[in-house]
Amino acid sequence: MHFNPKDISNQIIFLLNHHPHPCHIKDKESRYLYMNQAMYEFLNLPTGFLIEGKGLSDIKPDKAGLFEGIYQKEEVVIQKQNSVSLLITGRFGKDNQIQPYIVDIHPFFDETGQLVGTMAEARQCLFFSHWDYIQGKSPKTLTNSLPNTIFTQNELQIIFYAYHALSSKEVGEYLNLSHRTVENKLQCIYEKMGVHHQKGFRKYIQDSGLNHFIPQHLLASSIQLID
C-alpha cells in the first residue's frame, strides 16, 4: 500500500514545522514524504522545492556516496524497528562548511500502527570536555574558520595539538616537524599571545575561543554509529 504524505498526522506536521532542528519523514524505500524548513536549509534547498518521492541521491547527487551510508542505516532501522544515532560529518547548509552532526533516525508508524518508514532529526554536534563540565560551561560547536586570527594556519595547527596536551615530539610527528622546530614555533606563538607560560597559553586560547577550533584537514566526510 502506497502511503500518501497527506496522511501524516496534522499534530506531527505541526510539531515538526515548528521544530528548530532539521527533520524529515521518509518511506521504506528512503524516499521523502516530508521535511521541515530547517531541513530545507540544512540541505541548502530552495523553499518549495518538490521533495516528495525523491531520495537524497536524487536531490544531492554530489553527496551520493555519503548518503548511501545513511540509506544502509535506515534499512537497519526499518528491519529491526529500533532507533539509531549517527555521527555524520559532512558539508551542509548554505555555508557548505564541513561539520559533525548528530542524526537520530527512528521508525515511523502511521496512526494504525503500520510501519511507514523513518523519521529523523539532525543537530550540530556539541563538544564538551570534562573540565568544561566541572567549570559549569556549556557545550559548544567546533569551528574550522577563523578569518580574523593573528596566527598562520601552521601556527593554528600547533596551537590545536599543544592545547590538547600533546608533547612537542607528538606534535612534530603529526606535522612532520622536529620537536625543536615545534618548540621554536610555540615560543613565537607565546610571544604573539603575550604570555610566558602554559597557564597563560591555555587562558588565552579559552578567552579567544580558539579552544573550539579544529584544523580543517582533521575533518573528513564520514558516518559513524553512536552506541
Protein backbone atom coordinates (compact mmCIF):
# COMPACT_ATOMS: atom_id res chain seq x y z
CA MET A 1 0.00 0.00 0.00
CA HIS A 2 1.42 3.40 -1.00
CA PHE A 3 1.48 5.92 1.82
CA ASN A 4 0.17 9.37 0.99
CA PRO A 5 2.21 12.16 2.65
CA LYS A 6 -1.08 13.96 3.31
CA ASP A 7 -1.99 11.12 5.68
CA ILE A 8 0.73 12.14 8.15
CA SER A 9 -0.90 13.34 11.35
CA ASN A 10 -1.54 17.08 11.47
CA GLN A 11 -0.15 17.07 15.00
CA ILE A 12 3.17 15.63 13.82
CA ILE A 13 3.35 18.11 10.95
CA PHE A 14 2.62 20.97 13.35
CA LEU A 15 5.35 19.87 15.76
CA LEU A 16 7.96 19.35 13.05
CA ASN A 17 7.09 22.60 11.24
CA HIS A 18 7.94 24.48 14.44
CA HIS A 19 10.93 22.34 15.37
CA PRO A 20 14.25 24.27 15.38
CA HIS A 21 16.27 21.29 14.14
CA PRO A 22 16.18 19.79 10.63
CA CYS A 23 13.63 16.95 10.49
CA HIS A 24 12.23 14.71 7.78
CA ILE A 25 10.00 11.68 7.21
CA LYS A 26 10.78 9.03 4.59
CA ASP A 27 9.08 5.90 3.31
CA LYS A 28 10.57 2.39 3.45
CA GLU A 29 12.47 3.00 0.20
CA SER A 30 14.17 6.08 1.69
CA ARG A 31 12.05 8.47 -0.40
CA TYR A 32 10.97 11.74 1.13
CA LEU A 33 7.42 12.18 2.36
CA TYR A 34 8.04 15.40 4.29
CA MET A 35 10.77 17.76 5.52
CA ASN A 36 10.55 20.92 7.60
CA GLN A 37 12.01 24.30 6.71
CA ALA A 38 15.08 23.68 8.85
CA MET A 39 15.84 20.56 6.79
CA TYR A 40 15.43 22.54 3.54
CA GLU A 41 18.07 24.93 4.86
CA PHE A 42 20.27 22.07 6.11
CA LEU A 43 20.30 20.56 2.60
CA ASN A 44 20.51 24.04 1.04
CA LEU A 45 17.33 23.55 -0.99
CA PRO A 46 15.11 26.41 -2.17
CA THR A 47 11.83 26.77 -0.29
CA GLY A 48 9.09 24.95 -2.15
CA PHE A 49 11.45 22.51 -3.88
CA LEU A 50 9.43 19.35 -4.57
CA ILE A 51 10.96 16.55 -2.49
CA GLU A 52 8.08 14.04 -2.31
CA GLY A 53 9.05 10.70 -3.83
CA LYS A 54 12.72 11.66 -4.20
CA GLY A 55 15.74 10.17 -2.44
CA LEU A 56 18.79 12.01 -1.09
CA SER A 57 20.85 10.99 -4.12
CA ASP A 58 18.21 12.46 -6.45
CA ILE A 59 18.31 15.78 -4.60
CA LYS A 60 22.06 15.95 -3.93
CA PRO A 61 23.87 13.64 -6.40
CA ASP A 62 27.23 15.17 -5.43
CA LYS A 63 26.85 13.59 -1.97
CA ALA A 64 25.60 10.20 -3.21
CA GLY A 65 28.47 8.28 -1.59
CA LEU A 66 27.82 9.72 1.85
CA PHE A 67 24.06 9.30 1.51
CA GLU A 68 24.42 5.62 0.58
CA GLY A 69 25.77 5.01 4.07
CA ILE A 70 22.74 6.79 5.58
CA TYR A 71 20.40 4.68 3.46
CA GLN A 72 22.01 1.49 4.81
CA LYS A 73 21.40 2.64 8.39
CA GLU A 74 17.78 3.48 7.55
CA GLU A 75 17.32 -0.08 6.29
CA VAL A 76 18.51 -1.38 9.67
CA VAL A 77 16.02 0.89 11.47
CA ILE A 78 13.19 -0.46 9.33
CA GLN A 79 14.22 -4.12 9.65
CA LYS A 80 14.76 -4.05 13.41
CA GLN A 81 12.26 -1.26 14.18
CA ASN A 82 14.81 0.27 16.54
CA SER A 83 16.19 3.80 16.58
CA VAL A 84 19.84 4.59 15.79
CA SER A 85 22.01 7.67 16.33
CA LEU A 86 24.70 8.57 13.81
CA LEU A 87 27.63 10.97 13.92
CA ILE A 88 27.70 12.35 10.37
CA THR A 89 30.49 14.64 9.25
CA GLY A 90 29.76 16.47 6.01
CA ARG A 91 29.17 19.76 4.23
CA PHE A 92 25.68 21.06 4.82
CA GLY A 93 23.84 24.39 4.93
CA LYS A 94 24.33 27.45 2.73
CA ASP A 95 27.90 27.92 4.03
CA ASN A 96 28.80 24.37 2.91
CA GLN A 97 31.33 24.07 5.72
CA ILE A 98 32.26 20.61 6.90
CA GLN A 99 30.83 19.98 10.36
CA PRO A 100 29.88 17.00 12.55
CA TYR A 101 26.16 16.43 13.17
CA ILE A 102 24.19 14.03 15.34
CA VAL A 103 21.37 12.41 13.35
CA ASP A 104 18.74 10.38 15.22
CA ILE A 105 16.73 8.03 12.99
CA HIS A 106 13.52 6.42 14.32
CA PRO A 107 10.98 4.01 12.83
CA PHE A 108 7.85 5.94 11.79
CA PHE A 109 4.38 4.44 12.16
CA ASP A 110 1.00 5.65 10.95
CA GLU A 111 -1.99 6.05 13.27
CA THR A 112 -2.99 2.38 12.76
CA GLY A 113 0.42 1.14 13.92
CA GLN A 114 1.70 0.22 10.44
CA LEU A 115 5.37 0.91 9.77
CA VAL A 116 5.62 3.63 7.13
CA GLY A 117 9.35 4.35 7.06
CA THR A 118 11.67 6.53 9.12
CA MET A 119 11.67 9.90 10.84
CA ALA A 120 14.95 11.71 11.50
CA GLU A 121 16.30 14.77 13.27
CA ALA A 122 19.72 16.38 12.70
CA ARG A 123 21.52 18.72 15.06
CA GLN A 124 25.02 20.13 15.22
CA CYS A 125 27.32 18.08 17.41
CA LEU A 126 28.29 19.93 20.58
CA PHE A 127 31.65 19.28 22.23
CA PHE A 128 32.12 19.23 25.95
CA SER A 129 35.26 18.37 27.91
CA HIS A 130 35.29 17.02 31.44
CA TRP A 131 36.95 20.22 32.61
CA ASP A 132 34.30 22.38 30.93
CA TYR A 133 31.67 20.37 32.75
CA ILE A 134 33.38 20.82 36.12
CA GLN A 135 33.63 24.57 35.48
CA GLY A 136 29.92 24.77 34.63
CA LYS A 137 30.46 25.79 31.00
CA SER A 138 28.09 24.96 28.14
CA PRO A 139 28.88 22.65 25.20
CA LYS A 140 30.00 24.40 22.00
CA THR A 141 30.16 23.64 18.29
CA LEU A 142 33.50 23.34 16.51
CA THR A 143 34.80 25.90 14.04
CA ASN A 144 37.43 25.45 11.33
CA SER A 145 37.31 29.04 10.06
CA LEU A 146 38.97 31.93 11.92
CA PRO A 147 39.22 34.81 9.43
CA ASN A 148 40.38 37.44 11.94
CA THR A 149 43.10 35.46 13.70
CA ILE A 150 46.65 36.79 14.05
CA PHE A 151 48.04 33.27 13.63
CA THR A 152 49.05 31.44 10.46
CA GLN A 153 47.36 28.15 9.56
CA ASN A 154 50.54 26.31 10.55
CA GLU A 155 50.53 28.04 13.94
CA LEU A 156 46.85 27.22 14.44
CA GLN A 157 47.61 23.53 13.91
CA ILE A 158 50.36 23.67 16.54
CA ILE A 159 48.05 25.55 18.91
CA PHE A 160 45.38 22.87 18.46
CA TYR A 161 47.68 19.98 19.29
CA ALA A 162 49.50 21.77 22.10
CA TYR A 163 46.25 22.85 23.74
CA HIS A 164 45.15 19.22 23.79
CA ALA A 165 48.25 18.30 25.79
CA LEU A 166 50.38 16.68 23.09
CA SER A 167 54.12 16.93 23.64
CA SER A 168 56.36 18.77 21.17
CA LYS A 169 57.56 15.40 19.90
CA GLU A 170 53.99 14.19 19.32
CA VAL A 171 53.03 17.45 17.58
CA GLY A 172 56.10 17.10 15.39
CA GLU A 173 55.08 13.58 14.38
CA TYR A 174 51.66 14.81 13.27
CA LEU A 175 53.07 17.79 11.34
CA ASN A 176 56.29 16.15 10.10
CA LEU A 177 58.44 18.60 12.04
CA SER A 178 61.28 18.12 14.53
CA HIS A 179 60.38 18.63 18.18
CA ARG A 180 62.85 21.54 18.31
CA THR A 181 61.07 23.25 15.40
CA VAL A 182 57.76 22.80 17.22
CA GLU A 183 59.23 24.29 20.40
CA ASN A 184 60.59 27.29 18.48
CA LYS A 185 57.24 27.85 16.81
CA LEU A 186 55.47 27.57 20.16
CA GLN A 187 57.78 30.26 21.54
CA CYS A 188 56.78 32.56 18.66
CA ILE A 189 53.13 31.77 19.38
CA TYR A 190 53.62 32.64 23.05
CA GLU A 191 55.14 35.98 22.01
CA LYS A 192 52.18 36.74 19.74
CA MET A 193 49.81 35.93 22.59
CA GLY A 194 51.82 37.98 25.07
CA VAL A 195 52.11 35.07 27.50
CA HIS A 196 55.08 33.41 29.17
CA HIS A 197 53.87 30.02 30.38
CA GLN A 198 51.40 27.23 29.64
CA LYS A 199 48.77 28.55 32.03
CA GLY A 200 48.72 31.87 30.19
CA PHE A 201 48.70 29.97 26.86
CA ARG A 202 45.61 27.99 27.84
CA LYS A 203 43.82 31.04 29.24
CA TYR A 204 44.45 33.00 26.02
CA ILE A 205 43.01 30.13 23.95
CA GLN A 206 39.91 29.82 26.12
CA ASP A 207 39.30 33.58 26.27
CA SER A 208 39.68 33.95 22.49
CA GLY A 209 37.51 30.93 21.61
CA LEU A 210 40.42 29.09 19.98
CA ASN A 211 39.55 26.07 22.11
CA HIS A 212 36.66 25.43 19.71
CA PHE A 213 38.89 25.50 16.64
CA ILE A 214 39.80 22.32 14.75
CA PRO A 215 42.09 22.22 11.68
CA GLN A 216 40.00 21.53 8.58
CA HIS A 217 42.23 18.67 7.41
CA LEU A 218 41.19 16.68 10.51
CA LEU A 219 37.54 16.73 9.44
CA ALA A 220 36.50 14.28 6.70
CA SER A 221 33.10 13.17 5.43
CA SER A 222 32.06 10.09 7.39
CA ILE A 223 29.21 8.24 9.08
CA GLN A 224 29.70 6.65 12.49
CA LEU A 225 27.19 4.73 14.56
CA ILE A 226 26.90 6.07 18.10
CA ASP A 227 26.47 3.45 20.82
